[in-house]
Amino acid sequence: MVIARSLRALDWLNFFVANVQTGFGPFIASYLSANKWTQGEIGLMLSVGTISAMASQLPAGALVDAMRNKKFAAASAIIAIIASALFLAASPTFVMVFAAEVLHGFASCMLVPAMAAISYALVSRADLGDRLGRNARWASIGSALTAALMGVFGEYFSLRSVFFLTAALALPALVALSMIHHEMAPKLPRGSPKEKKLTETGEERETLREMLQDRRLLIFAACIVLFHLSNAAMLNLAAGEVTAHMGDNVQLVIAACIIVPQFIVAALSPWVGRQAQRWGRRPVLILGFCALPVRALLFAGVSSPYLLVPVQMLDGISAAVFGVMLPLIAADVAGGKGRYNLCIGFFGLAAGVGATLSTAAAGFAADRFGTSMSFFGLAAAGALAAALVWLAMPETREAALTKEAEKPPVEA
């Protein structure tokens, strides 16, 4: 009964955390532009947030690993995100925006692994895929609904109100977090020689060097870099083409390109988690990664702006697979060795590297060779990512979980 209640609270936690994170997307650029910031200044400040997030991935993951109370880690991160939103709402000055971007970058990198660790503590390994799928479903629903709500607030009140709304939506996230209960591992006697070497399950903690020697971790990190190298710039290029060739309804088309895939993710993620437990990780990864080059090639050939939304639905497939598989493979690789959250941070860093390279390379290619050639380049990166999964990525699901995975999933 307690576990079922905790799992329902975890659903709502994912919903409201996604609400909060939505406020730090395109709304920041609109807010700063409305306050007379130049595009160069806005780009510089957004880069500060990106660099902060990339630099924080490994330290934040290691910090969450070191903290016994994962709920406290998540609560601290949510409170820091509230502070970031209030900094932005208080004043659009350089110091306040800089502080908000740095604080939000670190807090987000701490929140993601903390929530994954809470999920891991509540369910068995055999049910983890299904649980991560539910997490992704509720997060996608939260993102889609909140994007619309924040758009209404920004349109009819003020852009500053978006950040007050962001801070307000974090409060029910804290309430949901407080309703989650799971048993913590018993503490070892103070001074015990193994006090710092054992994981919460009593196993010996893997060293960082040992973790980085794991072939599965390194290959999947390379797959992540290629995935984001293909994916990150795709919608930006498509949105640029829409803006250049379409006068009316451009904002509606772009909004639909963002919101529609979220509903695909919400519908598909639980299925992805279940099939990853039954089929194994590789078949599901191949499915999600193959959607990337197909989407890029379709974008290159689409002439009507209204066809962008159906093509963008493929992003929902890739996002559902990637969102579930990253923490699931991290659990396979390092979950029982005390490095689960550091592993998630490592994969997050790989994603940041790929996304940064993607936007820079795609923008240069579009200026030099044209948008269609840029899409072909993104398609090639996506095809390479799928090929790497097919040819080099080992299956990470443990054979012992196969029979358990055939059982009906635990209902939350």
Protein backbone atom coordinates (compact mmCIF):
# COMPACT_ATOMS: atom_id res chain seq x y z
CA MET A 1 0.00 0.00 0.00
CA VAL A 2 2.83 2.39 0.91
CA ILE A 3 4.72 1.47 -2.26
CA ALA A 4 1.63 1.95 -4.44
CA ARG A 5 1.04 5.38 -2.86
CA SER A 6 4.70 6.27 -3.39
CA LEU A 7 4.56 5.24 -7.05
CA ARG A 8 1.50 7.45 -7.64
CA ALA A 9 3.32 10.32 -5.93
CA LEU A 10 6.29 9.67 -8.23
CA ASP A 11 3.97 10.06 -11.23
CA TRP A 12 2.95 13.51 -10.00
CA LEU A 13 6.54 14.41 -9.16
CA ASN A 14 7.55 13.75 -12.77
CA PHE A 15 4.55 15.76 -13.98
CA PHE A 16 5.34 18.86 -11.91
CA VAL A 17 9.11 18.70 -12.40
CA ALA A 18 8.51 18.73 -16.16
CA ASN A 19 6.25 21.74 -15.59
CA VAL A 20 9.06 23.55 -13.84
CA GLN A 21 11.72 22.72 -16.43
CA THR A 22 9.49 23.95 -19.27
CA GLY A 23 9.88 27.49 -17.94
CA PHE A 24 13.59 27.45 -18.74
CA GLY A 25 13.22 26.75 -22.45
CA PRO A 26 12.51 29.29 -25.20
CA PHE A 27 10.76 31.58 -22.71
CA ILE A 28 14.13 32.87 -21.45
CA ALA A 29 15.15 34.06 -24.92
CA SER A 30 11.79 35.81 -25.44
CA TYR A 31 11.98 37.41 -21.99
CA LEU A 32 15.49 38.78 -22.52
CA SER A 33 14.67 39.96 -26.04
CA ALA A 34 11.66 41.88 -24.70
CA ASN A 35 14.00 43.56 -22.22
CA LYS A 36 16.27 44.92 -24.98
CA TRP A 37 18.98 42.27 -24.85
CA THR A 38 20.77 41.79 -28.18
CA GLN A 39 20.79 38.39 -29.87
CA GLY A 40 24.52 38.12 -29.15
CA GLU A 41 23.96 38.75 -25.45
CA ILE A 42 21.10 36.25 -25.34
CA GLY A 43 23.19 33.63 -27.12
CA LEU A 44 26.06 34.19 -24.71
CA MET A 45 23.80 33.76 -21.69
CA LEU A 46 22.19 30.62 -23.07
CA SER A 47 25.69 29.28 -23.66
CA VAL A 48 26.45 29.94 -20.00
CA GLY A 49 23.54 27.68 -19.08
CA THR A 50 24.71 24.97 -21.50
CA ILE A 51 28.30 25.08 -20.24
CA SER A 52 27.11 25.06 -16.63
CA ALA A 53 24.99 21.98 -17.28
CA MET A 54 27.80 20.13 -19.06
CA ALA A 55 30.33 20.96 -16.34
CA SER A 56 27.89 19.87 -13.64
CA GLN A 57 26.93 16.44 -15.01
CA LEU A 58 29.68 14.39 -13.38
CA PRO A 59 29.97 16.35 -10.07
CA ALA A 60 26.19 16.34 -9.61
CA GLY A 61 25.92 12.63 -10.34
CA ALA A 62 28.76 11.83 -7.93
CA LEU A 63 27.14 14.02 -5.27
CA VAL A 64 23.81 12.19 -5.56
CA ASP A 65 25.65 8.85 -5.35
CA ALA A 66 27.33 10.01 -2.15
CA MET A 67 24.07 11.16 -0.53
CA ARG A 68 22.09 8.42 1.22
CA ASN A 69 18.88 10.45 1.18
CA LYS A 70 17.95 10.80 -2.49
CA LYS A 71 14.75 12.64 -1.59
CA PHE A 72 16.82 15.35 0.08
CA ALA A 73 18.96 15.58 -3.07
CA ALA A 74 15.84 16.01 -5.22
CA ALA A 75 14.29 18.54 -2.83
CA SER A 76 17.50 20.60 -2.78
CA ALA A 77 17.58 20.66 -6.57
CA ILE A 78 13.92 21.73 -6.82
CA ILE A 79 14.46 24.54 -4.31
CA ALA A 80 17.49 25.70 -6.31
CA ILE A 81 15.36 25.75 -9.47
CA ILE A 82 12.74 27.85 -7.63
CA ALA A 83 15.51 30.31 -6.73
CA SER A 84 16.65 30.39 -10.37
CA ALA A 85 13.14 31.23 -11.57
CA LEU A 86 12.78 33.98 -8.97
CA PHE A 87 16.17 35.43 -9.96
CA LEU A 88 14.95 35.72 -13.55
CA ALA A 89 11.62 37.22 -12.52
CA ALA A 90 13.26 39.71 -10.14
CA SER A 91 15.45 41.46 -12.65
CA PRO A 92 16.65 40.82 -16.24
CA THR A 93 20.13 42.16 -15.40
CA PHE A 94 23.35 40.39 -16.31
CA VAL A 95 24.21 39.33 -12.75
CA MET A 96 20.78 37.89 -11.95
CA VAL A 97 20.41 36.07 -15.27
CA PHE A 98 23.96 34.69 -15.03
CA ALA A 99 23.33 33.43 -11.49
CA ALA A 100 20.03 31.87 -12.56
CA GLU A 101 21.58 30.05 -15.51
CA VAL A 102 24.49 28.63 -13.47
CA LEU A 103 22.27 27.59 -10.57
CA HIS A 104 19.69 26.02 -12.85
CA GLY A 105 22.38 24.12 -14.78
CA PHE A 106 23.75 22.45 -11.66
CA ALA A 107 20.33 21.85 -10.07
CA SER A 108 18.95 20.15 -13.19
CA CYS A 109 21.97 17.85 -13.37
CA MET A 110 21.35 16.90 -9.74
CA LEU A 111 17.58 16.49 -10.09
CA VAL A 112 17.60 14.02 -13.01
CA PRO A 113 19.78 11.36 -11.35
CA ALA A 114 18.07 11.88 -7.97
CA MET A 115 14.65 11.12 -9.49
CA ALA A 116 16.08 8.12 -11.34
CA ALA A 117 17.58 6.85 -8.06
CA ILE A 118 14.23 7.24 -6.27
CA SER A 119 12.56 5.25 -9.06
CA TYR A 120 15.26 2.58 -8.78
CA ALA A 121 14.68 2.32 -5.02
CA LEU A 122 10.93 1.84 -5.37
CA VAL A 123 10.78 -1.02 -7.88
CA SER A 124 12.63 -4.21 -8.70
CA ARG A 125 15.13 -4.36 -11.54
CA ALA A 126 12.61 -6.36 -13.58
CA ASP A 127 10.03 -3.54 -13.22
CA LEU A 128 12.47 -0.66 -13.75
CA GLY A 129 11.85 -0.34 -17.49
CA ASP A 130 8.10 -0.06 -16.97
CA ARG A 131 8.62 2.48 -14.19
CA LEU A 132 10.94 4.63 -16.31
CA GLY A 133 8.35 4.51 -19.09
CA ARG A 134 5.71 5.86 -16.69
CA ASN A 135 8.13 8.58 -15.61
CA ALA A 136 8.60 9.65 -19.23
CA ARG A 137 4.83 9.56 -19.86
CA TRP A 138 4.00 11.88 -16.97
CA ALA A 139 6.91 14.19 -17.75
CA SER A 140 5.79 14.51 -21.37
CA ILE A 141 2.21 15.28 -20.40
CA GLY A 142 3.49 17.90 -17.95
CA SER A 143 5.73 19.51 -20.57
CA ALA A 144 3.02 19.70 -23.22
CA LEU A 145 0.32 21.14 -20.95
CA THR A 146 2.63 23.59 -19.27
CA ALA A 147 4.04 24.91 -22.55
CA ALA A 148 0.51 25.90 -23.50
CA LEU A 149 -0.23 27.38 -20.05
CA MET A 150 2.97 29.40 -19.99
CA GLY A 151 2.26 30.65 -23.49
CA VAL A 152 -1.09 31.97 -22.25
CA PHE A 153 0.55 33.65 -19.24
CA GLY A 154 3.25 35.21 -21.42
CA GLU A 155 0.67 36.45 -23.95
CA TYR A 156 -2.00 37.83 -21.61
CA PHE A 157 -0.02 38.82 -18.51
CA SER A 158 3.70 39.31 -19.03
CA LEU A 159 6.79 37.28 -19.85
CA ARG A 160 7.96 37.81 -16.27
CA SER A 161 4.83 36.00 -15.04
CA VAL A 162 6.11 32.82 -16.70
CA PHE A 163 8.93 32.60 -14.16
CA PHE A 164 6.65 33.28 -11.20
CA LEU A 165 4.43 30.48 -12.54
CA THR A 166 7.53 28.25 -12.83
CA ALA A 167 8.39 28.84 -9.17
CA ALA A 168 4.78 28.24 -8.12
CA LEU A 169 4.59 24.92 -10.00
CA ALA A 170 7.64 23.68 -8.08
CA LEU A 171 5.68 23.74 -4.81
CA PRO A 172 3.37 20.82 -5.70
CA ALA A 173 6.49 18.98 -6.88
CA LEU A 174 7.86 19.26 -3.33
CA VAL A 175 4.53 18.05 -1.95
CA ALA A 176 4.60 15.01 -4.26
CA LEU A 177 8.20 14.31 -3.26
CA SER A 178 7.27 14.38 0.45
CA MET A 179 4.66 11.65 -0.18
CA ILE A 180 7.24 9.19 -1.52
CA HIS A 181 8.47 6.69 1.05
CA HIS A 182 11.06 4.02 0.59
CA GLU A 183 13.38 2.23 2.96
CA MET A 184 16.90 3.53 3.16
CA ALA A 185 19.80 1.15 3.65
CA PRO A 186 20.92 0.75 7.27
CA LYS A 187 23.92 2.84 8.13
CA LEU A 188 27.19 1.14 8.92
CA PRO A 189 28.79 1.86 12.29
CA ARG A 190 30.71 5.12 12.23
CA GLY A 191 34.36 4.46 11.63
CA SER A 192 33.79 1.16 9.88
CA PRO A 193 36.55 0.59 7.30
CA LYS A 194 33.94 -0.18 4.66
CA GLU A 195 31.70 2.75 5.51
CA LYS A 196 32.60 4.64 2.33
CA LYS A 197 33.21 1.62 0.12
CA LEU A 198 29.82 -0.07 0.25
CA THR A 199 26.78 0.77 -1.80
CA GLU A 200 23.32 1.14 -0.34
CA THR A 201 22.66 -2.52 -1.18
CA GLY A 202 25.72 -3.65 0.72
CA GLU A 203 27.87 -4.34 -2.35
CA GLU A 204 31.35 -2.93 -2.73
CA ARG A 205 31.32 0.42 -4.52
CA GLU A 206 32.95 0.42 -7.93
CA THR A 207 35.79 2.89 -8.44
CA LEU A 208 35.53 5.58 -11.08
CA ARG A 209 38.41 4.00 -12.99
CA GLU A 210 36.64 0.64 -13.07
CA MET A 211 33.44 2.27 -14.29
CA LEU A 212 35.22 4.05 -17.13
CA GLN A 213 36.79 0.77 -18.26
CA ASP A 214 33.37 -0.76 -18.89
CA ARG A 215 33.02 -1.30 -22.66
CA ARG A 216 29.22 -1.00 -22.49
CA LEU A 217 29.41 2.46 -20.92
CA LEU A 218 31.90 3.80 -23.47
CA ILE A 219 30.04 2.43 -26.51
CA PHE A 220 26.68 3.73 -25.34
CA ALA A 221 28.24 7.13 -24.57
CA ALA A 222 29.50 7.25 -28.17
CA CYS A 223 25.99 6.31 -29.37
CA ILE A 224 24.57 9.18 -27.28
CA VAL A 225 27.01 11.70 -28.79
CA LEU A 226 26.01 10.64 -32.32
CA PHE A 227 22.31 10.60 -31.41
CA HIS A 228 22.38 14.21 -30.22
CA LEU A 229 24.73 15.24 -33.02
CA SER A 230 21.93 14.21 -35.37
CA ASN A 231 18.93 15.24 -33.27
CA ALA A 232 19.68 18.52 -31.50
CA ALA A 233 19.77 20.88 -34.48
CA MET A 234 16.99 19.28 -36.51
CA LEU A 235 13.98 21.22 -35.23
CA ASN A 236 15.97 24.46 -35.10
CA LEU A 237 16.78 24.15 -38.82
CA ALA A 238 13.19 23.26 -39.64
CA ALA A 239 11.89 26.19 -37.60
CA GLY A 240 14.26 28.54 -39.42
CA GLU A 241 12.93 27.34 -42.76
CA VAL A 242 9.33 27.81 -41.61
CA THR A 243 10.03 31.35 -40.42
CA ALA A 244 11.74 32.25 -43.69
CA HIS A 245 9.03 30.90 -46.02
CA MET A 246 5.82 31.30 -44.07
CA GLY A 247 4.13 34.47 -42.91
CA ASP A 248 0.96 33.59 -41.03
CA ASN A 249 0.58 30.89 -38.39
CA VAL A 250 4.33 30.33 -38.10
CA GLN A 251 4.24 30.31 -34.29
CA LEU A 252 1.40 27.80 -34.30
CA VAL A 253 3.33 25.43 -36.56
CA ILE A 254 6.46 25.67 -34.41
CA ALA A 255 4.44 25.15 -31.23
CA ALA A 256 2.80 22.09 -32.76
CA CYS A 257 6.24 20.73 -33.68
CA ILE A 258 7.16 20.94 -29.99
CA ILE A 259 3.93 19.76 -28.39
CA VAL A 260 2.85 16.89 -30.69
CA PRO A 261 5.98 14.76 -30.05
CA GLN A 262 5.38 15.10 -26.31
CA PHE A 263 2.06 13.29 -26.67
CA ILE A 264 3.79 10.60 -28.75
CA VAL A 265 6.30 10.18 -25.93
CA ALA A 266 3.49 9.99 -23.37
CA ALA A 267 1.71 7.27 -25.35
CA LEU A 268 4.81 5.26 -26.27
CA SER A 269 7.13 5.40 -23.25
CA PRO A 270 5.48 2.70 -21.08
CA TRP A 271 5.51 0.34 -24.06
CA VAL A 272 9.20 1.11 -24.63
CA GLY A 273 10.01 0.28 -21.01
CA ARG A 274 8.11 -3.02 -21.10
CA GLN A 275 9.62 -4.17 -24.39
CA ALA A 276 13.12 -3.26 -23.21
CA GLN A 277 12.60 -5.69 -20.34
CA ARG A 278 11.21 -8.44 -22.59
CA TRP A 279 13.15 -8.08 -25.85
CA GLY A 280 16.34 -6.60 -24.46
CA ARG A 281 17.82 -3.12 -24.82
CA ARG A 282 19.38 -3.37 -28.30
CA PRO A 283 16.21 -3.98 -30.37
CA VAL A 284 14.46 -1.03 -28.76
CA LEU A 285 17.51 1.20 -29.17
CA ILE A 286 17.75 0.31 -32.86
CA LEU A 287 14.07 1.23 -33.34
CA GLY A 288 14.50 4.66 -31.74
CA PHE A 289 17.82 5.44 -33.42
CA CYS A 290 16.59 4.45 -36.91
CA ALA A 291 13.88 7.11 -36.65
CA LEU A 292 16.60 9.81 -36.67
CA PRO A 293 17.96 9.53 -40.23
CA VAL A 294 14.45 8.96 -41.61
CA ARG A 295 13.25 12.17 -39.96
CA ALA A 296 16.23 14.18 -41.22
CA LEU A 297 15.74 12.96 -44.80
CA LEU A 298 12.04 13.80 -44.69
CA PHE A 299 12.83 17.29 -43.41
CA ALA A 300 15.24 17.73 -46.31
CA GLY A 301 12.53 16.82 -48.81
CA VAL A 302 9.49 18.53 -47.27
CA SER A 303 8.35 21.62 -49.14
CA SER A 304 5.13 22.46 -47.29
CA PRO A 305 5.53 23.91 -43.78
CA TYR A 306 2.37 22.10 -42.70
CA LEU A 307 4.06 18.74 -43.32
CA LEU A 308 6.66 19.50 -40.67
CA VAL A 309 4.32 18.44 -37.85
CA PRO A 310 3.72 14.88 -39.17
CA VAL A 311 7.47 14.47 -39.76
CA GLN A 312 8.21 15.77 -36.29
CA MET A 313 6.08 12.96 -34.86
CA LEU A 314 9.10 10.71 -35.49
CA ASP A 315 10.89 12.76 -32.84
CA GLY A 316 8.38 11.35 -30.35
CA ILE A 317 9.59 7.82 -31.14
CA SER A 318 13.26 8.72 -30.71
CA ALA A 319 12.60 10.76 -27.57
CA ALA A 320 10.54 7.99 -25.95
CA VAL A 321 13.26 5.41 -26.59
CA PHE A 322 16.12 7.65 -25.52
CA GLY A 323 14.36 8.98 -22.41
CA VAL A 324 13.65 5.49 -21.10
CA MET A 325 16.81 3.72 -22.22
CA LEU A 326 19.39 6.14 -20.83
CA PRO A 327 18.57 5.59 -17.12
CA LEU A 328 17.75 1.92 -17.79
CA ILE A 329 21.13 1.17 -19.38
CA ALA A 330 22.80 3.18 -16.59
CA ALA A 331 21.12 0.80 -14.14
CA ASP A 332 22.41 -2.18 -16.12
CA VAL A 333 25.95 -0.83 -16.23
CA ALA A 334 26.42 0.71 -12.82
CA GLY A 335 23.20 0.48 -10.83
CA GLY A 336 24.32 -2.24 -8.44
CA LYS A 337 27.81 -0.85 -8.01
CA GLY A 338 27.09 2.46 -6.31
CA ARG A 339 27.71 4.55 -9.44
CA TYR A 340 24.23 4.76 -10.94
CA ASN A 341 23.89 8.53 -10.70
CA LEU A 342 27.46 9.19 -11.80
CA CYS A 343 26.79 6.98 -14.83
CA ILE A 344 23.68 9.02 -15.66
CA GLY A 345 25.80 12.16 -15.34
CA PHE A 346 28.40 10.69 -17.71
CA PHE A 347 25.71 9.93 -20.27
CA GLY A 348 24.28 13.42 -19.76
CA LEU A 349 27.69 14.91 -20.49
CA ALA A 350 27.88 12.87 -23.71
CA ALA A 351 24.45 14.22 -24.69
CA GLY A 352 25.60 17.80 -24.02
CA VAL A 353 28.71 17.35 -26.17
CA GLY A 354 26.67 15.94 -29.06
CA ALA A 355 24.02 18.66 -28.84
CA THR A 356 26.62 21.45 -28.75
CA LEU A 357 28.44 20.06 -31.78
CA SER A 358 25.13 19.56 -33.60
CA THR A 359 23.90 23.14 -33.43
CA ALA A 360 27.31 24.57 -34.35
CA ALA A 361 27.98 22.16 -37.24
CA ALA A 362 24.43 22.29 -38.65
CA GLY A 363 24.39 26.09 -38.59
CA PHE A 364 27.74 26.29 -40.39
CA ALA A 365 26.68 23.68 -42.97
CA ALA A 366 23.36 25.46 -43.62
CA ASP A 367 25.14 28.81 -44.21
CA ARG A 368 27.80 27.26 -46.43
CA PHE A 369 25.97 24.54 -48.36
CA GLY A 370 22.25 25.14 -47.80
CA THR A 371 19.65 23.76 -45.42
CA SER A 372 19.01 20.57 -47.41
CA MET A 373 22.68 19.58 -47.28
CA SER A 374 22.70 20.29 -43.56
CA PHE A 375 19.77 17.89 -43.12
CA PHE A 376 21.67 15.26 -45.13
CA GLY A 377 24.59 15.67 -42.76
CA LEU A 378 22.31 15.20 -39.74
CA ALA A 379 20.83 12.12 -41.43
CA ALA A 380 24.34 10.69 -41.88
CA ALA A 381 25.09 11.22 -38.18
CA GLY A 382 21.82 9.50 -37.26
CA ALA A 383 22.56 6.57 -39.57
CA LEU A 384 26.02 6.25 -38.00
CA ALA A 385 24.43 6.23 -34.53
CA ALA A 386 22.03 3.44 -35.54
CA ALA A 387 24.88 1.47 -37.14
CA LEU A 388 26.97 1.77 -33.97
CA VAL A 389 24.11 0.39 -31.89
CA TRP A 390 23.60 -2.45 -34.38
CA LEU A 391 27.27 -3.42 -34.78
CA ALA A 392 28.95 -2.58 -31.48
CA MET A 393 26.49 -2.05 -28.64
CA PRO A 394 26.31 -5.16 -26.43
CA GLU A 395 23.07 -6.28 -24.81
CA THR A 396 23.08 -4.94 -21.23
CA ARG A 397 19.99 -6.67 -19.85
CA GLU A 398 20.97 -9.37 -17.41
CA ALA A 399 19.80 -12.86 -18.32
CA ALA A 400 18.49 -13.33 -14.78
CA LEU A 401 15.91 -10.61 -15.40
CA THR A 402 14.40 -12.32 -18.45
CA LYS A 403 11.94 -14.54 -16.56
CA GLU A 404 10.98 -11.76 -14.17
CA ALA A 405 10.33 -9.45 -17.12
CA GLU A 406 7.74 -11.88 -18.48
CA LYS A 407 5.59 -11.33 -15.41
CA PRO A 408 2.83 -8.67 -15.58
CA PRO A 409 4.20 -5.22 -14.63
CA VAL A 410 3.54 -3.86 -11.17
CA GLU A 411 0.54 -1.53 -11.26
CA ALA A 412 1.07 1.84 -9.66
